Amino acid sequence: MSMPVRIDDTLYDQARAQAQAERRTIAGQIEFWAMVGKAALDNPDLPTDFVRELLIARAEGPTLATPFVAEGKRD
């Protein structure tokens, strides 16, 4: 369900620039920021960058995932 929301012009301009860089719609960029922010608030012990990368990895799914290789276990 879509709902109109008023936001500051500066935030809108920042979202537009970031959306273009990450190939999202402006609304999609703001939704992504909201998801990252909510997840970060729900998990205050995790760094925000980690939360962001985790959400991106989950969206990519297993087909684009790179297998984890622990340090010292490389061939």
PDB file of N, CA and C in Angstrom:
ATOM      1  N   MET A   1       0.840  -1.163   0.000  1.00  0.00           N
ATOM      2  CA  MET A   1       0.000   0.000   0.000  1.00  0.00           C
ATOM      3  C   MET A   1       0.896   1.240   0.000  1.00  0.00           C
ATOM      4  N   SER A   2       0.615   2.168  -0.866  1.00  0.00           N
ATOM      5  CA  SER A   2       1.385   3.410  -0.947  1.00  0.00           C
ATOM      6  C   SER A   2       0.673   4.514  -0.191  1.00  0.00           C
ATOM      7  N   MET A   3       1.474   5.331   0.461  1.00  0.00           N
ATOM      8  CA  MET A   3       0.950   6.480   1.200  1.00  0.00           C
ATOM      9  C   MET A   3       1.852   7.672   0.921  1.00  0.00           C
ATOM     10  N   PRO A   4       1.268   8.807   0.635  1.00  0.00           N
ATOM     11  CA  PRO A   4       2.105   9.999   0.473  1.00  0.00           C
ATOM     12  C   PRO A   4       2.647  10.444   1.834  1.00  0.00           C
ATOM     13  N   VAL A   5       3.905  10.860   1.836  1.00  0.00           N
ATOM     14  CA  VAL A   5       4.557  11.311   3.066  1.00  0.00           C
ATOM     15  C   VAL A   5       5.329  12.582   2.737  1.00  0.00           C
ATOM     16  N   ARG A   6       5.247  13.565   3.598  1.00  0.00           N
ATOM     17  CA  ARG A   6       6.006  14.801   3.404  1.00  0.00           C
ATOM     18  C   ARG A   6       7.400  14.618   4.015  1.00  0.00           C
ATOM     19  N   ILE A   7       8.402  14.961   3.220  1.00  0.00           N
ATOM     20  CA  ILE A   7       9.773  14.924   3.729  1.00  0.00           C
ATOM     21  C   ILE A   7      10.471  16.229   3.347  1.00  0.00           C
ATOM     22  N   ASP A   8      11.534  16.517   4.029  1.00  0.00           N
ATOM     23  CA  ASP A   8      12.337  17.702   3.788  1.00  0.00           C
ATOM     24  C   ASP A   8      12.912  17.670   2.377  1.00  0.00           C
ATOM     25  N   ASP A   9      12.996  18.834   1.737  1.00  0.00           N
ATOM     26  CA  ASP A   9      13.535  18.919   0.377  1.00  0.00           C
ATOM     27  C   ASP A   9      14.966  18.388   0.289  1.00  0.00           C
ATOM     28  N   THR A  10      15.768  18.663   1.304  1.00  0.00           N
ATOM     29  CA  THR A  10      17.154  18.193   1.306  1.00  0.00           C
ATOM     30  C   THR A  10      17.211  16.674   1.335  1.00  0.00           C
ATOM     31  N   LEU A  11      16.391  16.061   2.175  1.00  0.00           N
ATOM     32  CA  LEU A  11      16.348  14.599   2.240  1.00  0.00           C
ATOM     33  C   LEU A  11      15.890  14.017   0.909  1.00  0.00           C
ATOM     34  N   TYR A  12      14.921  14.655   0.279  1.00  0.00           N
ATOM     35  CA  TYR A  12      14.436  14.201  -1.022  1.00  0.00           C
ATOM     36  C   TYR A  12      15.554  14.251  -2.063  1.00  0.00           C
ATOM     37  N   ASP A  13      16.300  15.360  -2.087  1.00  0.00           N
ATOM     38  CA  ASP A  13      17.400  15.494  -3.040  1.00  0.00           C
ATOM     39  C   ASP A  13      18.486  14.452  -2.789  1.00  0.00           C
ATOM     40  N   GLN A  14      18.785  14.174  -1.518  1.00  0.00           N
ATOM     41  CA  GLN A  14      19.767  13.141  -1.181  1.00  0.00           C
ATOM     42  C   GLN A  14      19.271  11.768  -1.626  1.00  0.00           C
ATOM     43  N   ALA A  15      17.992  11.500  -1.398  1.00  0.00           N
ATOM     44  CA  ALA A  15      17.416  10.214  -1.804  1.00  0.00           C
ATOM     45  C   ALA A  15      17.446  10.068  -3.320  1.00  0.00           C
ATOM     46  N   ARG A  16      17.160  11.146  -4.033  1.00  0.00           N
ATOM     47  CA  ARG A  16      17.185  11.095  -5.500  1.00  0.00           C
ATOM     48  C   ARG A  16      18.586  10.766  -6.003  1.00  0.00           C
ATOM     49  N   ALA A  17      19.606  11.418  -5.437  1.00  0.00           N
ATOM     50  CA  ALA A  17      20.985  11.161  -5.862  1.00  0.00           C
ATOM     51  C   ALA A  17      21.401   9.732  -5.545  1.00  0.00           C
ATOM     52  N   GLN A  18      21.090   9.271  -4.348  1.00  0.00           N
ATOM     53  CA  GLN A  18      21.456   7.908  -3.952  1.00  0.00           C
ATOM     54  C   GLN A  18      20.677   6.879  -4.769  1.00  0.00           C
ATOM     55  N   ALA A  19      19.408   7.161  -5.016  1.00  0.00           N
ATOM     56  CA  ALA A  19      18.574   6.246  -5.806  1.00  0.00           C
ATOM     57  C   ALA A  19      19.133   6.083  -7.210  1.00  0.00           C
ATOM     58  N   GLN A  20      19.557   7.171  -7.790  1.00  0.00           N
ATOM     59  CA  GLN A  20      20.130   7.098  -9.130  1.00  0.00           C
ATOM     60  C   GLN A  20      21.413   6.273  -9.119  1.00  0.00           C
ATOM     61  N   ALA A  21      22.251   6.482  -8.115  1.00  0.00           N
ATOM     62  CA  ALA A  21      23.510   5.749  -8.021  1.00  0.00           C
ATOM     63  C   ALA A  21      23.288   4.257  -7.804  1.00  0.00           C
ATOM     64  N   GLU A  22      22.235   3.906  -7.055  1.00  0.00           N
ATOM     65  CA  GLU A  22      21.986   2.504  -6.738  1.00  0.00           C
ATOM     66  C   GLU A  22      20.863   1.896  -7.582  1.00  0.00           C
ATOM     67  N   ARG A  23      20.444   2.639  -8.606  1.00  0.00           N
ATOM     68  CA  ARG A  23      19.424   2.170  -9.554  1.00  0.00           C
ATOM     69  C   ARG A  23      18.122   1.763  -8.866  1.00  0.00           C
ATOM     70  N   ARG A  24      17.649   2.650  -7.984  1.00  0.00           N
ATOM     71  CA  ARG A  24      16.370   2.469  -7.313  1.00  0.00           C
ATOM     72  C   ARG A  24      15.484   3.658  -7.641  1.00  0.00           C
ATOM     73  N   THR A  25      14.207   3.521  -7.367  1.00  0.00           N
ATOM     74  CA  THR A  25      13.332   4.678  -7.411  1.00  0.00           C
ATOM     75  C   THR A  25      13.597   5.503  -6.160  1.00  0.00           C
ATOM     76  N   ILE A  26      13.146   6.729  -6.166  1.00  0.00           N
ATOM     77  CA  ILE A  26      13.316   7.567  -4.979  1.00  0.00           C
ATOM     78  C   ILE A  26      12.549   6.961  -3.813  1.00  0.00           C
ATOM     79  N   ALA A  27      11.329   6.510  -4.072  1.00  0.00           N
ATOM     80  CA  ALA A  27      10.542   5.859  -3.017  1.00  0.00           C
ATOM     81  C   ALA A  27      11.239   4.593  -2.536  1.00  0.00           C
ATOM     82  N   GLY A  28      11.810   3.828  -3.459  1.00  0.00           N
ATOM     83  CA  GLY A  28      12.535   2.618  -3.082  1.00  0.00           C
ATOM     84  C   GLY A  28      13.745   2.920  -2.224  1.00  0.00           C
ATOM     85  N   GLN A  29      14.424   4.031  -2.522  1.00  0.00           N
ATOM     86  CA  GLN A  29      15.593   4.416  -1.733  1.00  0.00           C
ATOM     87  C   GLN A  29      15.177   4.793  -0.321  1.00  0.00           C
ATOM     88  N   ILE A  30      14.109   5.557  -0.188  1.00  0.00           N
ATOM     89  CA  ILE A  30      13.636   5.952   1.134  1.00  0.00           C
ATOM     90  C   ILE A  30      13.152   4.734   1.911  1.00  0.00           C
ATOM     91  N   GLU A  31      12.488   3.796   1.235  1.00  0.00           N
ATOM     92  CA  GLU A  31      12.069   2.548   1.893  1.00  0.00           C
ATOM     93  C   GLU A  31      13.284   1.764   2.370  1.00  0.00           C
ATOM     94  N   PHE A  32      14.342   1.710   1.546  1.00  0.00           N
ATOM     95  CA  PHE A  32      15.555   0.994   1.930  1.00  0.00           C
ATOM     96  C   PHE A  32      16.185   1.637   3.155  1.00  0.00           C
ATOM     97  N   TRP A  33      16.284   2.975   3.149  1.00  0.00           N
ATOM     98  CA  TRP A  33      16.827   3.667   4.311  1.00  0.00           C
ATOM     99  C   TRP A  33      16.003   3.365   5.553  1.00  0.00           C
ATOM    100  N   ALA A  34      14.690   3.327   5.394  1.00  0.00           N
ATOM    101  CA  ALA A  34      13.817   3.044   6.540  1.00  0.00           C
ATOM    102  C   ALA A  34      14.056   1.629   7.059  1.00  0.00           C
ATOM    103  N   MET A  35      14.219   0.661   6.153  1.00  0.00           N
ATOM    104  CA  MET A  35      14.482  -0.722   6.578  1.00  0.00           C
ATOM    105  C   MET A  35      15.812  -0.823   7.310  1.00  0.00           C
ATOM    106  N   VAL A  36      16.840  -0.150   6.778  1.00  0.00           N
ATOM    107  CA  VAL A  36      18.152  -0.165   7.433  1.00  0.00           C
ATOM    108  C   VAL A  36      18.048   0.476   8.814  1.00  0.00           C
ATOM    109  N   GLY A  37      17.386   1.604   8.888  1.00  0.00           N
ATOM    110  CA  GLY A  37      17.234   2.295  10.160  1.00  0.00           C
ATOM    111  C   GLY A  37      16.483   1.469  11.182  1.00  0.00           C
ATOM    112  N   LYS A  38      15.388   0.832  10.765  1.00  0.00           N
ATOM    113  CA  LYS A  38      14.607  -0.006  11.678  1.00  0.00           C
ATOM    114  C   LYS A  38      15.430  -1.189  12.154  1.00  0.00           C
ATOM    115  N   ALA A  39      16.121  -1.854  11.211  1.00  0.00           N
ATOM    116  CA  ALA A  39      16.945  -3.001  11.583  1.00  0.00           C
ATOM    117  C   ALA A  39      18.082  -2.576  12.512  1.00  0.00           C
ATOM    118  N   ALA A  40      18.669  -1.409  12.269  1.00  0.00           N
ATOM    119  CA  ALA A  40      19.747  -0.911  13.129  1.00  0.00           C
ATOM    120  C   ALA A  40      19.226  -0.599  14.533  1.00  0.00           C
ATOM    121  N   LEU A  41      18.038  -0.016  14.616  1.00  0.00           N
ATOM    122  CA  LEU A  41      17.455   0.269  15.927  1.00  0.00           C
ATOM    123  C   LEU A  41      17.073  -1.010  16.659  1.00  0.00           C
ATOM    124  N   ASP A  42      16.624  -2.012  15.908  1.00  0.00           N
ATOM    125  CA  ASP A  42      16.255  -3.298  16.505  1.00  0.00           C
ATOM    126  C   ASP A  42      17.479  -4.092  16.955  1.00  0.00           C
ATOM    127  N   ASN A  43      18.650  -3.765  16.403  1.00  0.00           N
ATOM    128  CA  ASN A  43      19.898  -4.477  16.707  1.00  0.00           C
ATOM    129  C   ASN A  43      21.005  -3.473  17.013  1.00  0.00           C
ATOM    130  N   PRO A  44      20.901  -2.757  18.130  1.00  0.00           N
ATOM    131  CA  PRO A  44      21.850  -1.679  18.411  1.00  0.00           C
ATOM    132  C   PRO A  44      23.296  -2.147  18.595  1.00  0.00           C
ATOM    133  N   ASP A  45      23.507  -3.443  18.805  1.00  0.00           N
ATOM    134  CA  ASP A  45      24.865  -3.955  18.982  1.00  0.00           C
ATOM    135  C   ASP A  45      25.583  -4.175  17.651  1.00  0.00           C
ATOM    136  N   LEU A  46      24.864  -4.077  16.530  1.00  0.00           N
ATOM    137  CA  LEU A  46      25.468  -4.289  15.213  1.00  0.00           C
ATOM    138  C   LEU A  46      25.770  -2.949  14.545  1.00  0.00           C
ATOM    139  N   PRO A  47      26.910  -2.849  13.860  1.00  0.00           N
ATOM    140  CA  PRO A  47      27.212  -1.615  13.129  1.00  0.00           C
ATOM    141  C   PRO A  47      26.199  -1.411  11.991  1.00  0.00           C
ATOM    142  N   THR A  48      25.857  -0.174  11.729  1.00  0.00           N
ATOM    143  CA  THR A  48      24.875   0.141  10.689  1.00  0.00           C
ATOM    144  C   THR A  48      25.328  -0.367   9.321  1.00  0.00           C
ATOM    145  N   ASP A  49      26.613  -0.255   9.019  1.00  0.00           N
ATOM    146  CA  ASP A  49      27.109  -0.755   7.734  1.00  0.00           C
ATOM    147  C   ASP A  49      26.890  -2.259   7.608  1.00  0.00           C
ATOM    148  N   PHE A  50      27.061  -2.991   8.693  1.00  0.00           N
ATOM    149  CA  PHE A  50      26.825  -4.435   8.671  1.00  0.00           C
ATOM    150  C   PHE A  50      25.350  -4.715   8.388  1.00  0.00           C
ATOM    151  N   VAL A  51      24.472  -3.974   9.042  1.00  0.00           N
ATOM    152  CA  VAL A  51      23.029  -4.150   8.825  1.00  0.00           C
ATOM    153  C   VAL A  51      22.694  -3.884   7.366  1.00  0.00           C
ATOM    154  N   ARG A  52      23.229  -2.814   6.810  1.00  0.00           N
ATOM    155  CA  ARG A  52      22.979  -2.454   5.407  1.00  0.00           C
ATOM    156  C   ARG A  52      23.441  -3.562   4.467  1.00  0.00           C
ATOM    157  N   GLU A  53      24.662  -4.027   4.665  1.00  0.00           N
ATOM    158  CA  GLU A  53      25.200  -5.089   3.806  1.00  0.00           C
ATOM    159  C   GLU A  53      24.405  -6.387   3.949  1.00  0.00           C
ATOM    160  N   LEU A  54      23.952  -6.682   5.144  1.00  0.00           N
ATOM    161  CA  LEU A  54      23.149  -7.879   5.371  1.00  0.00           C
ATOM    162  C   LEU A  54      21.829  -7.796   4.619  1.00  0.00           C
ATOM    163  N   LEU A  55      21.174  -6.650   4.667  1.00  0.00           N
ATOM    164  CA  LEU A  55      19.914  -6.492   3.935  1.00  0.00           C
ATOM    165  C   LEU A  55      20.125  -6.613   2.429  1.00  0.00           C
ATOM    166  N   ILE A  56      21.225  -6.069   1.935  1.00  0.00           N
ATOM    167  CA  ILE A  56      21.537  -6.193   0.511  1.00  0.00           C
ATOM    168  C   ILE A  56      21.795  -7.649   0.149  1.00  0.00           C
ATOM    169  N   ALA A  57      22.567  -8.345   0.971  1.00  0.00           N
ATOM    170  CA  ALA A  57      22.871  -9.755   0.709  1.00  0.00           C
ATOM    171  C   ALA A  57      21.602 -10.603   0.715  1.00  0.00           C
ATOM    172  N   ARG A  58      20.707 -10.333   1.659  1.00  0.00           N
ATOM    173  CA  ARG A  58      19.453 -11.083   1.719  1.00  0.00           C
ATOM    174  C   ARG A  58      18.617 -10.837   0.476  1.00  0.00           C
ATOM    175  N   ALA A  59      18.636  -9.615  -0.042  1.00  0.00           N
ATOM    176  CA  ALA A  59      17.866  -9.291  -1.238  1.00  0.00           C
ATOM    177  C   ALA A  59      18.462  -9.959  -2.472  1.00  0.00           C
ATOM    178  N   GLU A  60      19.774 -10.137  -2.490  1.00  0.00           N
ATOM    179  CA  GLU A  60      20.429 -10.783  -3.627  1.00  0.00           C
ATOM    180  C   GLU A  60      20.058 -12.253  -3.727  1.00  0.00           C
ATOM    181  N   GLY A  61      19.836 -12.873  -2.607  1.00  0.00           N
ATOM    182  CA  GLY A  61      19.498 -14.297  -2.611  1.00  0.00           C
ATOM    183  C   GLY A  61      20.729 -15.168  -2.763  1.00  0.00           C
ATOM    184  N   PRO A  62      20.548 -16.476  -2.678  1.00  0.00           N
ATOM    185  CA  PRO A  62      21.688 -17.398  -2.696  1.00  0.00           C
ATOM    186  C   PRO A  62      22.387 -17.501  -4.047  1.00  0.00           C
ATOM    187  N   THR A  63      21.724 -17.164  -5.139  1.00  0.00           N
ATOM    188  CA  THR A  63      22.356 -17.318  -6.452  1.00  0.00           C
ATOM    189  C   THR A  63      23.496 -16.333  -6.675  1.00  0.00           C
ATOM    190  N   LEU A  64      23.434 -15.167  -6.039  1.00  0.00           N
ATOM    191  CA  LEU A  64      24.494 -14.176  -6.200  1.00  0.00           C
ATOM    192  C   LEU A  64      25.471 -14.161  -5.031  1.00  0.00           C
ATOM    193  N   ALA A  65      25.239 -15.002  -4.053  1.00  0.00           N
ATOM    194  CA  ALA A  65      26.072 -15.009  -2.852  1.00  0.00           C
ATOM    195  C   ALA A  65      27.453 -15.586  -3.144  1.00  0.00           C
ATOM    196  N   THR A  66      28.436 -15.045  -2.461  1.00  0.00           N
ATOM    197  CA  THR A  66      29.792 -15.566  -2.518  1.00  0.00           C
ATOM    198  C   THR A  66      29.988 -16.441  -1.286  1.00  0.00           C
ATOM    199  N   PRO A  67      30.436 -17.683  -1.467  1.00  0.00           N
ATOM    200  CA  PRO A  67      30.621 -18.553  -0.316  1.00  0.00           C
ATOM    201  C   PRO A  67      31.616 -17.961   0.680  1.00  0.00           C
ATOM    202  N   PHE A  68      31.337 -18.128   1.964  1.00  0.00           N
ATOM    203  CA  PHE A  68      32.230 -17.649   3.006  1.00  0.00           C
ATOM    204  C   PHE A  68      33.407 -18.598   3.150  1.00  0.00           C
ATOM    205  N   VAL A  69      34.597 -18.040   3.190  1.00  0.00           N
ATOM    206  CA  VAL A  69      35.798 -18.826   3.419  1.00  0.00           C
ATOM    207  C   VAL A  69      36.505 -18.189   4.605  1.00  0.00           C
ATOM    208  N   ALA A  70      36.633 -18.955   5.686  1.00  0.00           N
ATOM    209  CA  ALA A  70      37.278 -18.445   6.894  1.00  0.00           C
ATOM    210  C   ALA A  70      38.750 -18.200   6.632  1.00  0.00           C
ATOM    211  N   GLU A  71      39.318 -17.202   7.298  1.00  0.00           N
ATOM    212  CA  GLU A  71      40.746 -16.930   7.138  1.00  0.00           C
ATOM    213  C   GLU A  71      41.540 -18.141   7.607  1.00  0.00           C
ATOM    214  N   GLY A  72      42.586 -18.448   6.868  1.00  0.00           N
ATOM    215  CA  GLY A  72      43.414 -19.596   7.205  1.00  0.00           C
ATOM    216  C   GLY A  72      42.908 -20.891   6.580  1.00  0.00           C
ATOM    217  N   LYS A  73      41.758 -20.851   5.937  1.00  0.00           N
ATOM    218  CA  LYS A  73      41.184 -22.042   5.328  1.00  0.00           C
ATOM    219  C   LYS A  73      41.269 -22.009   3.811  1.00  0.00           C
ATOM    220  N   ARG A  74      41.964 -21.032   3.271  1.00  0.00           N
ATOM    221  CA  ARG A  74      42.050 -20.889   1.818  1.00  0.00           C
ATOM    222  C   ARG A  74      43.085 -21.875   1.281  1.00  0.00           C
ATOM    223  N   ASP A  75      42.836 -22.305   0.075  1.00  0.00           N
ATOM    224  CA  ASP A  75      43.774 -23.240  -0.575  1.00  0.00           C
ATOM    225  C   ASP A  75      44.897 -22.521  -1.261  1.00  0.00           C
TER     226      ASP A  75
END
